[in-house]
Amino acid sequence: MYAVLKCGGKQLKVSKGDTVLVEKLAGEKGEKVTLDNVLLLADGDKLTVGTPVVEGATVTASIVEQIRDKKVIIFKKKRRQGYKRKKGHRQYLTVLKVEEISAKPKAKKAAKA
């Protein structure tokens, strides 16, 4: 079973037991996080595609650690103008371990007679 979810503006394909890096989420090490922006859910031959999300589907993960990514250098230059700028950026990231993928469809409302 796997799921495609949207987190931090990116789409991730996750399975139970996977460790993934996402943009920083609030929480401390060991806390549980529930991600409910599930775009696609696959269980064997059964494939459920959301419009835009799969109703009732959630991915439960625990926070392994909060880290910072490697530095990205931003360098701008205009030749023959004496213009140079150098900046660095380190993105805050959260390491998640996927514990459970659940698909609990919401009960349909009965039609009025």
PDB file of N, CA and C in Angstrom:
ATOM      1  N   MET A   1       0.844  -1.176   0.000  1.00  0.00           N
ATOM      2  CA  MET A   1       0.000   0.000   0.000  1.00  0.00           C
ATOM      3  C   MET A   1       0.890   1.241   0.000  1.00  0.00           C
ATOM      4  N   TYR A   2       0.552   2.204  -0.854  1.00  0.00           N
ATOM      5  CA  TYR A   2       1.279   3.465  -0.871  1.00  0.00           C
ATOM      6  C   TYR A   2       0.305   4.608  -1.118  1.00  0.00           C
ATOM      7  N   ALA A   3       0.793   5.816  -0.835  1.00  0.00           N
ATOM      8  CA  ALA A   3      -0.032   7.006  -1.015  1.00  0.00           C
ATOM      9  C   ALA A   3       0.817   8.122  -1.586  1.00  0.00           C
ATOM     10  N   VAL A   4       0.184   8.989  -2.366  1.00  0.00           N
ATOM     11  CA  VAL A   4       0.837  10.208  -2.847  1.00  0.00           C
ATOM     12  C   VAL A   4       0.174  11.347  -2.088  1.00  0.00           C
ATOM     13  N   LEU A   5       0.987  12.117  -1.364  1.00  0.00           N
ATOM     14  CA  LEU A   5       0.433  13.199  -0.570  1.00  0.00           C
ATOM     15  C   LEU A   5       1.125  14.507  -0.881  1.00  0.00           C
ATOM     16  N   LYS A   6       0.446  15.588  -0.541  1.00  0.00           N
ATOM     17  CA  LYS A   6       0.978  16.922  -0.774  1.00  0.00           C
ATOM     18  C   LYS A   6       1.377  17.513   0.571  1.00  0.00           C
ATOM     19  N   CYS A   7       2.634  17.930   0.670  1.00  0.00           N
ATOM     20  CA  CYS A   7       3.131  18.485   1.926  1.00  0.00           C
ATOM     21  C   CYS A   7       4.227  19.491   1.604  1.00  0.00           C
ATOM     22  N   GLY A   8       4.058  20.722   2.049  1.00  0.00           N
ATOM     23  CA  GLY A   8       5.077  21.737   1.819  1.00  0.00           C
ATOM     24  C   GLY A   8       5.197  22.148   0.368  1.00  0.00           C
ATOM     25  N   GLY A   9       4.103  22.071  -0.398  1.00  0.00           N
ATOM     26  CA  GLY A   9       4.134  22.459  -1.799  1.00  0.00           C
ATOM     27  C   GLY A   9       4.720  21.401  -2.717  1.00  0.00           C
ATOM     28  N   LYS A  10       5.036  20.234  -2.182  1.00  0.00           N
ATOM     29  CA  LYS A  10       5.611  19.154  -2.985  1.00  0.00           C
ATOM     30  C   LYS A  10       4.740  17.909  -2.853  1.00  0.00           C
ATOM     31  N   GLN A  11       4.846  17.017  -3.825  1.00  0.00           N
ATOM     32  CA  GLN A  11       4.123  15.759  -3.778  1.00  0.00           C
ATOM     33  C   GLN A  11       5.101  14.643  -3.453  1.00  0.00           C
ATOM     34  N   LEU A  12       4.714  13.778  -2.506  1.00  0.00           N
ATOM     35  CA  LEU A  12       5.578  12.692  -2.067  1.00  0.00           C
ATOM     36  C   LEU A  12       4.856  11.361  -2.194  1.00  0.00           C
ATOM     37  N   LYS A  13       5.573  10.337  -2.639  1.00  0.00           N
ATOM     38  CA  LYS A  13       5.032   8.986  -2.662  1.00  0.00           C
ATOM     39  C   LYS A  13       5.589   8.276  -1.432  1.00  0.00           C
ATOM     40  N   VAL A  14       4.710   7.822  -0.534  1.00  0.00           N
ATOM     41  CA  VAL A  14       5.148   7.202   0.711  1.00  0.00           C
ATOM     42  C   VAL A  14       4.487   5.847   0.914  1.00  0.00           C
ATOM     43  N   SER A  15       5.203   4.970   1.593  1.00  0.00           N
ATOM     44  CA  SER A  15       4.698   3.670   2.010  1.00  0.00           C
ATOM     45  C   SER A  15       4.936   3.536   3.505  1.00  0.00           C
ATOM     46  N   LYS A  16       4.333   2.544   4.105  1.00  0.00           N
ATOM     47  CA  LYS A  16       4.530   2.326   5.535  1.00  0.00           C
ATOM     48  C   LYS A  16       5.996   1.999   5.808  1.00  0.00           C
ATOM     49  N   GLY A  17       6.587   2.684   6.789  1.00  0.00           N
ATOM     50  CA  GLY A  17       7.983   2.454   7.153  1.00  0.00           C
ATOM     51  C   GLY A  17       8.968   3.376   6.462  1.00  0.00           C
ATOM     52  N   ASP A  18       8.520   4.167   5.502  1.00  0.00           N
ATOM     53  CA  ASP A  18       9.414   5.099   4.795  1.00  0.00           C
ATOM     54  C   ASP A  18       9.837   6.249   5.700  1.00  0.00           C
ATOM     55  N   THR A  19      11.034   6.761   5.430  1.00  0.00           N
ATOM     56  CA  THR A  19      11.524   7.967   6.087  1.00  0.00           C
ATOM     57  C   THR A  19      11.636   9.039   5.013  1.00  0.00           C
ATOM     58  N   VAL A  20      10.970  10.191   5.232  1.00  0.00           N
ATOM     59  CA  VAL A  20      10.938  11.250   4.229  1.00  0.00           C
ATOM     60  C   VAL A  20      11.331  12.589   4.844  1.00  0.00           C
ATOM     61  N   LEU A  21      11.869  13.476   3.996  1.00  0.00           N
ATOM     62  CA  LEU A  21      12.190  14.844   4.379  1.00  0.00           C
ATOM     63  C   LEU A  21      11.116  15.766   3.829  1.00  0.00           C
ATOM     64  N   VAL A  22      10.530  16.592   4.684  1.00  0.00           N
ATOM     65  CA  VAL A  22       9.535  17.572   4.255  1.00  0.00           C
ATOM     66  C   VAL A  22       9.927  18.924   4.834  1.00  0.00           C
ATOM     67  N   GLU A  23       9.312  19.982   4.309  1.00  0.00           N
ATOM     68  CA  GLU A  23       9.556  21.301   4.878  1.00  0.00           C
ATOM     69  C   GLU A  23       9.099  21.302   6.323  1.00  0.00           C
ATOM     70  N   LYS A  24       9.677  22.198   7.109  1.00  0.00           N
ATOM     71  CA  LYS A  24       9.486  22.191   8.555  1.00  0.00           C
ATOM     72  C   LYS A  24       8.018  22.166   8.970  1.00  0.00           C
ATOM     73  N   LEU A  25       7.718  21.205   9.853  1.00  0.00           N
ATOM     74  CA  LEU A  25       6.404  21.091  10.468  1.00  0.00           C
ATOM     75  C   LEU A  25       6.552  21.372  11.962  1.00  0.00           C
ATOM     76  N   ALA A  26       5.547  21.965  12.554  1.00  0.00           N
ATOM     77  CA  ALA A  26       5.579  22.252  13.982  1.00  0.00           C
ATOM     78  C   ALA A  26       5.507  20.947  14.766  1.00  0.00           C
ATOM     79  N   GLY A  27       6.325  20.840  15.797  1.00  0.00           N
ATOM     80  CA  GLY A  27       6.299  19.648  16.629  1.00  0.00           C
ATOM     81  C   GLY A  27       7.688  19.285  17.104  1.00  0.00           C
ATOM     82  N   GLU A  28       7.723  18.468  18.143  1.00  0.00           N
ATOM     83  CA  GLU A  28       8.982  18.018  18.727  1.00  0.00           C
ATOM     84  C   GLU A  28       9.260  16.574  18.315  1.00  0.00           C
ATOM     85  N   LYS A  29      10.475  16.143  18.586  1.00  0.00           N
ATOM     86  CA  LYS A  29      10.901  14.785  18.269  1.00  0.00           C
ATOM     87  C   LYS A  29      10.005  13.778  18.988  1.00  0.00           C
ATOM     88  N   GLY A  30       9.508  12.791  18.243  1.00  0.00           N
ATOM     89  CA  GLY A  30       8.662  11.750  18.814  1.00  0.00           C
ATOM     90  C   GLY A  30       7.171  12.012  18.698  1.00  0.00           C
ATOM     91  N   GLU A  31       6.764  13.231  18.357  1.00  0.00           N
ATOM     92  CA  GLU A  31       5.340  13.544  18.230  1.00  0.00           C
ATOM     93  C   GLU A  31       4.759  12.915  16.966  1.00  0.00           C
ATOM     94  N   LYS A  32       3.457  12.649  17.004  1.00  0.00           N
ATOM     95  CA  LYS A  32       2.747  12.111  15.841  1.00  0.00           C
ATOM     96  C   LYS A  32       2.162  13.263  15.025  1.00  0.00           C
ATOM     97  N   VAL A  33       2.219  13.112  13.708  1.00  0.00           N
ATOM     98  CA  VAL A  33       1.686  14.107  12.780  1.00  0.00           C
ATOM     99  C   VAL A  33       0.720  13.386  11.848  1.00  0.00           C
ATOM    100  N   THR A  34      -0.445  14.000  11.609  1.00  0.00           N
ATOM    101  CA  THR A  34      -1.414  13.431  10.678  1.00  0.00           C
ATOM    102  C   THR A  34      -1.473  14.309   9.439  1.00  0.00           C
ATOM    103  N   LEU A  35      -1.193  13.720   8.292  1.00  0.00           N
ATOM    104  CA  LEU A  35      -1.221  14.427   7.015  1.00  0.00           C
ATOM    105  C   LEU A  35      -2.475  13.965   6.267  1.00  0.00           C
ATOM    106  N   ASP A  36      -3.355  14.910   5.926  1.00  0.00           N
ATOM    107  CA  ASP A  36      -4.607  14.509   5.300  1.00  0.00           C
ATOM    108  C   ASP A  36      -4.770  15.005   3.865  1.00  0.00           C
ATOM    109  N   ASN A  37      -3.733  15.577   3.278  1.00  0.00           N
ATOM    110  CA  ASN A  37      -3.775  15.987   1.875  1.00  0.00           C
ATOM    111  C   ASN A  37      -3.328  14.820   0.990  1.00  0.00           C
ATOM    112  N   VAL A  38      -4.069  13.733   1.022  1.00  0.00           N
ATOM    113  CA  VAL A  38      -3.737  12.538   0.247  1.00  0.00           C
ATOM    114  C   VAL A  38      -4.364  12.670  -1.138  1.00  0.00           C
ATOM    115  N   LEU A  39      -3.516  12.698  -2.175  1.00  0.00           N
ATOM    116  CA  LEU A  39      -3.980  12.882  -3.546  1.00  0.00           C
ATOM    117  C   LEU A  39      -4.316  11.561  -4.230  1.00  0.00           C
ATOM    118  N   LEU A  40      -3.613  10.485  -3.838  1.00  0.00           N
ATOM    119  CA  LEU A  40      -3.809   9.182  -4.469  1.00  0.00           C
ATOM    120  C   LEU A  40      -3.552   8.103  -3.439  1.00  0.00           C
ATOM    121  N   LEU A  41      -4.317   7.033  -3.514  1.00  0.00           N
ATOM    122  CA  LEU A  41      -4.178   5.924  -2.583  1.00  0.00           C
ATOM    123  C   LEU A  41      -4.203   4.628  -3.374  1.00  0.00           C
ATOM    124  N   ALA A  42      -3.176   3.793  -3.196  1.00  0.00           N
ATOM    125  CA  ALA A  42      -3.104   2.520  -3.915  1.00  0.00           C
ATOM    126  C   ALA A  42      -2.972   1.381  -2.912  1.00  0.00           C
ATOM    127  N   ASP A  43      -3.837   0.392  -3.045  1.00  0.00           N
ATOM    128  CA  ASP A  43      -3.811  -0.782  -2.178  1.00  0.00           C
ATOM    129  C   ASP A  43      -3.930  -2.010  -3.065  1.00  0.00           C
ATOM    130  N   GLY A  44      -2.791  -2.586  -3.429  1.00  0.00           N
ATOM    131  CA  GLY A  44      -2.800  -3.733  -4.342  1.00  0.00           C
ATOM    132  C   GLY A  44      -3.252  -3.292  -5.723  1.00  0.00           C
ATOM    133  N   ASP A  45      -4.355  -3.866  -6.201  1.00  0.00           N
ATOM    134  CA  ASP A  45      -4.901  -3.510  -7.509  1.00  0.00           C
ATOM    135  C   ASP A  45      -5.889  -2.345  -7.426  1.00  0.00           C
ATOM    136  N   LYS A  46      -6.303  -1.999  -6.218  1.00  0.00           N
ATOM    137  CA  LYS A  46      -7.279  -0.936  -6.040  1.00  0.00           C
ATOM    138  C   LYS A  46      -6.568   0.425  -5.993  1.00  0.00           C
ATOM    139  N   LEU A  47      -6.971   1.322  -6.893  1.00  0.00           N
ATOM    140  CA  LEU A  47      -6.361   2.642  -6.983  1.00  0.00           C
ATOM    141  C   LEU A  47      -7.446   3.699  -6.810  1.00  0.00           C
ATOM    142  N   THR A  48      -7.241   4.611  -5.846  1.00  0.00           N
ATOM    143  CA  THR A  48      -8.212   5.673  -5.591  1.00  0.00           C
ATOM    144  C   THR A  48      -7.546   7.008  -5.851  1.00  0.00           C
ATOM    145  N   VAL A  49      -8.107   7.779  -6.783  1.00  0.00           N
ATOM    146  CA  VAL A  49      -7.568   9.095  -7.116  1.00  0.00           C
ATOM    147  C   VAL A  49      -8.523  10.145  -6.573  1.00  0.00           C
ATOM    148  N   GLY A  50      -7.979  11.140  -5.872  1.00  0.00           N
ATOM    149  CA  GLY A  50      -8.812  12.166  -5.271  1.00  0.00           C
ATOM    150  C   GLY A  50      -9.177  13.268  -6.242  1.00  0.00           C
ATOM    151  N   THR A  51     -10.207  14.020  -5.886  1.00  0.00           N
ATOM    152  CA  THR A  51     -10.628  15.170  -6.691  1.00  0.00           C
ATOM    153  C   THR A  51     -10.806  16.386  -5.802  1.00  0.00           C
ATOM    154  N   PRO A  52      -9.851  17.114  -5.352  1.00  0.00           N
ATOM    155  CA  PRO A  52      -8.412  16.921  -5.506  1.00  0.00           C
ATOM    156  C   PRO A  52      -7.802  15.999  -4.456  1.00  0.00           C
ATOM    157  N   VAL A  53      -8.506  15.757  -3.313  1.00  0.00           N
ATOM    158  CA  VAL A  53      -7.955  14.863  -2.296  1.00  0.00           C
ATOM    159  C   VAL A  53      -8.908  13.692  -2.069  1.00  0.00           C
ATOM    160  N   VAL A  54      -8.346  12.597  -1.553  1.00  0.00           N
ATOM    161  CA  VAL A  54      -9.146  11.422  -1.231  1.00  0.00           C
ATOM    162  C   VAL A  54      -9.807  11.672   0.122  1.00  0.00           C
ATOM    163  N   GLU A  55     -11.138  11.662   0.138  1.00  0.00           N
ATOM    164  CA  GLU A  55     -11.880  11.945   1.370  1.00  0.00           C
ATOM    165  C   GLU A  55     -11.656  10.848   2.410  1.00  0.00           C
ATOM    166  N   GLY A  56     -11.311  11.252   3.613  1.00  0.00           N
ATOM    167  CA  GLY A  56     -11.151  10.313   4.716  1.00  0.00           C
ATOM    168  C   GLY A  56      -9.814   9.604   4.774  1.00  0.00           C
ATOM    169  N   ALA A  57      -8.948   9.800   3.798  1.00  0.00           N
ATOM    170  CA  ALA A  57      -7.646   9.142   3.795  1.00  0.00           C
ATOM    171  C   ALA A  57      -6.640   9.992   4.562  1.00  0.00           C
ATOM    172  N   THR A  58      -5.843   9.344   5.410  1.00  0.00           N
ATOM    173  CA  THR A  58      -4.824  10.037   6.184  1.00  0.00           C
ATOM    174  C   THR A  58      -3.535   9.234   6.214  1.00  0.00           C
ATOM    175  N   VAL A  59      -2.435   9.947   6.422  1.00  0.00           N
ATOM    176  CA  VAL A  59      -1.134   9.324   6.618  1.00  0.00           C
ATOM    177  C   VAL A  59      -0.645   9.779   7.986  1.00  0.00           C
ATOM    178  N   THR A  60      -0.352   8.820   8.859  1.00  0.00           N
ATOM    179  CA  THR A  60       0.147   9.126  10.195  1.00  0.00           C
ATOM    180  C   THR A  60       1.642   8.869  10.215  1.00  0.00           C
ATOM    181  N   ALA A  61       2.388   9.867  10.702  1.00  0.00           N
ATOM    182  CA  ALA A  61       3.847   9.752  10.760  1.00  0.00           C
ATOM    183  C   ALA A  61       4.339  10.305  12.087  1.00  0.00           C
ATOM    184  N   SER A  62       5.536   9.916  12.475  1.00  0.00           N
ATOM    185  CA  SER A  62       6.134  10.463  13.685  1.00  0.00           C
ATOM    186  C   SER A  62       7.368  11.269  13.295  1.00  0.00           C
ATOM    187  N   ILE A  63       7.626  12.322  14.059  1.00  0.00           N
ATOM    188  CA  ILE A  63       8.770  13.191  13.780  1.00  0.00           C
ATOM    189  C   ILE A  63      10.024  12.525  14.339  1.00  0.00           C
ATOM    190  N   VAL A  64      10.999  12.285  13.460  1.00  0.00           N
ATOM    191  CA  VAL A  64      12.263  11.684  13.866  1.00  0.00           C
ATOM    192  C   VAL A  64      13.199  12.778  14.378  1.00  0.00           C
ATOM    193  N   GLU A  65      13.326  13.878  13.610  1.00  0.00           N
ATOM    194  CA  GLU A  65      14.145  15.007  14.038  1.00  0.00           C
ATOM    195  C   GLU A  65      13.859  16.232  13.190  1.00  0.00           C
ATOM    196  N   GLN A  66      14.263  17.387  13.705  1.00  0.00           N
ATOM    197  CA  GLN A  66      14.185  18.660  12.992  1.00  0.00           C
ATOM    198  C   GLN A  66      15.616  19.012  12.589  1.00  0.00           C
ATOM    199  N   ILE A  67      15.863  19.204  11.292  1.00  0.00           N
ATOM    200  CA  ILE A  67      17.226  19.467  10.823  1.00  0.00           C
ATOM    201  C   ILE A  67      17.247  20.671   9.884  1.00  0.00           C
ATOM    202  N   ARG A  68      18.456  21.021   9.442  1.00  0.00           N
ATOM    203  CA  ARG A  68      18.622  22.034   8.410  1.00  0.00           C
ATOM    204  C   ARG A  68      19.344  21.396   7.241  1.00  0.00           C
ATOM    205  N   ASP A  69      18.915  21.737   6.036  1.00  0.00           N
ATOM    206  CA  ASP A  69      19.483  21.184   4.812  1.00  0.00           C
ATOM    207  C   ASP A  69      20.849  21.798   4.544  1.00  0.00           C
ATOM    208  N   LYS A  70      21.541  21.289   3.531  1.00  0.00           N
ATOM    209  CA  LYS A  70      22.839  21.862   3.173  1.00  0.00           C
ATOM    210  C   LYS A  70      22.649  23.267   2.609  1.00  0.00           C
ATOM    211  N   LYS A  71      23.688  24.071   2.651  1.00  0.00           N
ATOM    212  CA  LYS A  71      23.607  25.461   2.233  1.00  0.00           C
ATOM    213  C   LYS A  71      23.520  25.570   0.715  1.00  0.00           C
ATOM    214  N   VAL A  72      22.638  26.452   0.268  1.00  0.00           N
ATOM    215  CA  VAL A  72      22.504  26.763  -1.150  1.00  0.00           C
ATOM    216  C   VAL A  72      23.049  28.169  -1.338  1.00  0.00           C
ATOM    217  N   ILE A  73      23.979  28.344  -2.279  1.00  0.00           N
ATOM    218  CA  ILE A  73      24.605  29.640  -2.534  1.00  0.00           C
ATOM    219  C   ILE A  73      23.845  30.350  -3.650  1.00  0.00           C
ATOM    220  N   ILE A  74      23.475  31.605  -3.396  1.00  0.00           N
ATOM    221  CA  ILE A  74      22.826  32.443  -4.396  1.00  0.00           C
ATOM    222  C   ILE A  74      23.852  33.489  -4.806  1.00  0.00           C
ATOM    223  N   PHE A  75      24.263  33.477  -6.067  1.00  0.00           N
ATOM    224  CA  PHE A  75      25.275  34.414  -6.540  1.00  0.00           C
ATOM    225  C   PHE A  75      24.737  35.159  -7.751  1.00  0.00           C
ATOM    226  N   LYS A  76      24.739  36.491  -7.681  1.00  0.00           N
ATOM    227  CA  LYS A  76      24.267  37.328  -8.781  1.00  0.00           C
ATOM    228  C   LYS A  76      25.424  38.185  -9.260  1.00  0.00           C
ATOM    229  N   LYS A  77      25.511  38.353 -10.566  1.00  0.00           N
ATOM    230  CA  LYS A  77      26.589  39.170 -11.129  1.00  0.00           C
ATOM    231  C   LYS A  77      26.132  39.769 -12.442  1.00  0.00           C
ATOM    232  N   LYS A  78      26.470  41.027 -12.647  1.00  0.00           N
ATOM    233  CA  LYS A  78      26.269  41.670 -13.943  1.00  0.00           C
ATOM    234  C   LYS A  78      27.653  42.059 -14.452  1.00  0.00           C
ATOM    235  N   ARG A  79      28.013  41.514 -15.572  1.00  0.00           N
ATOM    236  CA  ARG A  79      29.372  41.739 -16.047  1.00  0.00           C
ATOM    237  C   ARG A  79      29.614  43.193 -16.441  1.00  0.00           C
ATOM    238  N   ARG A  80      30.810  43.612 -16.191  1.00  0.00           N
ATOM    239  CA  ARG A  80      31.312  44.965 -16.496  1.00  0.00           C
ATOM    240  C   ARG A  80      30.558  46.071 -15.761  1.00  0.00           C
ATOM    241  N   GLN A  81      29.816  45.745 -14.717  1.00  0.00           N
ATOM    242  CA  GLN A  81      29.069  46.762 -13.983  1.00  0.00           C
ATOM    243  C   GLN A  81      29.537  46.891 -12.537  1.00  0.00           C
ATOM    244  N   GLY A  82      30.426  46.030 -12.099  1.00  0.00           N
ATOM    245  CA  GLY A  82      30.883  46.065 -10.722  1.00  0.00           C
ATOM    246  C   GLY A  82      29.810  45.605  -9.737  1.00  0.00           C
ATOM    247  N   TYR A  83      28.889  44.760 -10.212  1.00  0.00           N
ATOM    248  CA  TYR A  83      27.773  44.302  -9.375  1.00  0.00           C
ATOM    249  C   TYR A  83      27.929  42.816  -9.085  1.00  0.00           C
ATOM    250  N   LYS A  84      28.144  42.483  -7.813  1.00  0.00           N
ATOM    251  CA  LYS A  84      28.201  41.086  -7.366  1.00  0.00           C
ATOM    252  C   LYS A  84      27.507  40.981  -6.018  1.00  0.00           C
ATOM    253  N   ARG A  85      26.658  39.966  -5.851  1.00  0.00           N
ATOM    254  CA  ARG A  85      25.998  39.709  -4.581  1.00  0.00           C
ATOM    255  C   ARG A  85      26.074  38.209  -4.293  1.00  0.00           C
ATOM    256  N   LYS A  86      26.413  37.881  -3.073  1.00  0.00           N
ATOM    257  CA  LYS A  86      26.498  36.474  -2.678  1.00  0.00           C
ATOM    258  C   LYS A  86      25.713  36.285  -1.383  1.00  0.00           C
ATOM    259  N   LYS A  87      24.780  35.348  -1.425  1.00  0.00           N
ATOM    260  CA  LYS A  87      23.964  35.017  -0.257  1.00  0.00           C
ATOM    261  C   LYS A  87      23.933  33.514  -0.096  1.00  0.00           C
ATOM    262  N   GLY A  88      23.646  33.059   1.108  1.00  0.00           N
ATOM    263  CA  GLY A  88      23.473  31.640   1.377  1.00  0.00           C
ATOM    264  C   GLY A  88      22.136  31.401   2.041  1.00  0.00           C
ATOM    265  N   HIS A  89      21.607  30.185   1.894  1.00  0.00           N
ATOM    266  CA  HIS A  89      20.316  29.839   2.496  1.00  0.00           C
ATOM    267  C   HIS A  89      20.350  28.380   2.931  1.00  0.00           C
ATOM    268  N   ARG A  90      19.872  28.115   4.144  1.00  0.00           N
ATOM    269  CA  ARG A  90      19.714  26.744   4.638  1.00  0.00           C
ATOM    270  C   ARG A  90      18.264  26.543   5.029  1.00  0.00           C
ATOM    271  N   GLN A  91      17.613  25.600   4.388  1.00  0.00           N
ATOM    272  CA  GLN A  91      16.195  25.329   4.620  1.00  0.00           C
ATOM    273  C   GLN A  91      16.010  24.469   5.866  1.00  0.00           C
ATOM    274  N   TYR A  92      15.015  24.803   6.679  1.00  0.00           N
ATOM    275  CA  TYR A  92      14.643  23.967   7.818  1.00  0.00           C
ATOM    276  C   TYR A  92      13.808  22.798   7.303  1.00  0.00           C
ATOM    277  N   LEU A  93      14.126  21.586   7.769  1.00  0.00           N
ATOM    278  CA  LEU A  93      13.432  20.384   7.331  1.00  0.00           C
ATOM    279  C   LEU A  93      12.991  19.551   8.528  1.00  0.00           C
ATOM    280  N   THR A  94      11.990  18.723   8.304  1.00  0.00           N
ATOM    281  CA  THR A  94      11.527  17.768   9.300  1.00  0.00           C
ATOM    282  C   THR A  94      11.670  16.373   8.713  1.00  0.00           C
ATOM    283  N   VAL A  95      12.267  15.473   9.474  1.00  0.00           N
ATOM    284  CA  VAL A  95      12.403  14.080   9.051  1.00  0.00           C
ATOM    285  C   VAL A  95      11.225  13.315   9.652  1.00  0.00           C
ATOM    286  N   LEU A  96      10.422  12.682   8.779  1.00  0.00           N
ATOM    287  CA  LEU A  96       9.243  11.934   9.207  1.00  0.00           C
ATOM    288  C   LEU A  96       9.406  10.448   8.909  1.00  0.00           C
ATOM    289  N   LYS A  97       8.894   9.611   9.821  1.00  0.00           N
ATOM    290  CA  LYS A  97       8.827   8.172   9.573  1.00  0.00           C
ATOM    291  C   LYS A  97       7.351   7.809   9.476  1.00  0.00           C
ATOM    292  N   VAL A  98       6.943   7.283   8.317  1.00  0.00           N
ATOM    293  CA  VAL A  98       5.545   6.945   8.060  1.00  0.00           C
ATOM    294  C   VAL A  98       5.186   5.684   8.845  1.00  0.00           C
ATOM    295  N   GLU A  99       4.136   5.791   9.670  1.00  0.00           N
ATOM    296  CA  GLU A  99       3.726   4.667  10.502  1.00  0.00           C
ATOM    297  C   GLU A  99       2.463   3.974   9.998  1.00  0.00           C
ATOM    298  N   GLU A 100       1.555   4.761   9.424  1.00  0.00           N
ATOM    299  CA  GLU A 100       0.285   4.157   9.011  1.00  0.00           C
ATOM    300  C   GLU A 100      -0.337   4.950   7.869  1.00  0.00           C
ATOM    301  N   ILE A 101      -0.930   4.223   6.927  1.00  0.00           N
ATOM    302  CA  ILE A 101      -1.709   4.831   5.856  1.00  0.00           C
ATOM    303  C   ILE A 101      -3.109   4.254   5.984  1.00  0.00           C
ATOM    304  N   SER A 102      -4.082   5.126   6.220  1.00  0.00           N
ATOM    305  CA  SER A 102      -5.440   4.626   6.415  1.00  0.00           C
ATOM    306  C   SER A 102      -6.398   5.285   5.435  1.00  0.00           C
ATOM    307  N   ALA A 103      -7.371   4.510   5.006  1.00  0.00           N
ATOM    308  CA  ALA A 103      -8.402   4.998   4.085  1.00  0.00           C
ATOM    309  C   ALA A 103      -9.750   4.679   4.692  1.00  0.00           C
ATOM    310  N   LYS A 104     -10.284   5.639   5.424  1.00  0.00           N
ATOM    311  CA  LYS A 104     -11.600   5.457   6.026  1.00  0.00           C
ATOM    312  C   LYS A 104     -12.572   6.358   5.288  1.00  0.00           C
ATOM    313  N   PRO A 105     -13.276   5.840   4.283  1.00  0.00           N
ATOM    314  CA  PRO A 105     -14.208   6.676   3.527  1.00  0.00           C
ATOM    315  C   PRO A 105     -15.343   7.149   4.418  1.00  0.00           C
ATOM    316  N   LYS A 106     -15.753   8.383   4.208  1.00  0.00           N
ATOM    317  CA  LYS A 106     -16.863   8.937   4.986  1.00  0.00           C
ATOM    318  C   LYS A 106     -18.156   8.280   4.540  1.00  0.00           C
ATOM    319  N   ALA A 107     -19.059   8.088   5.487  1.00  0.00           N
ATOM    320  CA  ALA A 107     -20.342   7.449   5.198  1.00  0.00           C
ATOM    321  C   ALA A 107     -21.177   8.391   4.317  1.00  0.00           C
ATOM    322  N   LYS A 108     -21.809   7.824   3.302  1.00  0.00           N
ATOM    323  CA  LYS A 108     -22.640   8.633   2.417  1.00  0.00           C
ATOM    324  C   LYS A 108     -23.969   8.923   3.097  1.00  0.00           C
ATOM    325  N   LYS A 109     -24.463  10.115   2.862  1.00  0.00           N
ATOM    326  CA  LYS A 109     -25.734  10.521   3.458  1.00  0.00           C
ATOM    327  C   LYS A 109     -26.889   9.823   2.732  1.00  0.00           C
ATOM    328  N   ALA A 110     -27.858   9.374   3.505  1.00  0.00           N
ATOM    329  CA  ALA A 110     -29.014   8.701   2.922  1.00  0.00           C
ATOM    330  C   ALA A 110     -29.895   9.728   2.211  1.00  0.00           C
ATOM    331  N   ALA A 111     -30.407   9.349   1.066  1.00  0.00           N
ATOM    332  CA  ALA A 111     -31.282  10.252   0.295  1.00  0.00           C
ATOM    333  C   ALA A 111     -32.641  10.343   0.980  1.00  0.00           C
ATOM    334  N   LYS A 112     -33.187  11.547   0.960  1.00  0.00           N
ATOM    335  CA  LYS A 112     -34.500  11.753   1.574  1.00  0.00           C
ATOM    336  C   LYS A 112     -35.579  11.156   0.667  1.00  0.00           C
ATOM    337  N   ALA A 113     -36.546  10.476   1.278  1.00  0.00           N
ATOM    338  CA  ALA A 113     -37.598   9.816   0.504  1.00  0.00           C
ATOM    339  C   ALA A 113     -38.758  10.760   0.247  1.00  0.00           C
TER     340      ALA A 113
END
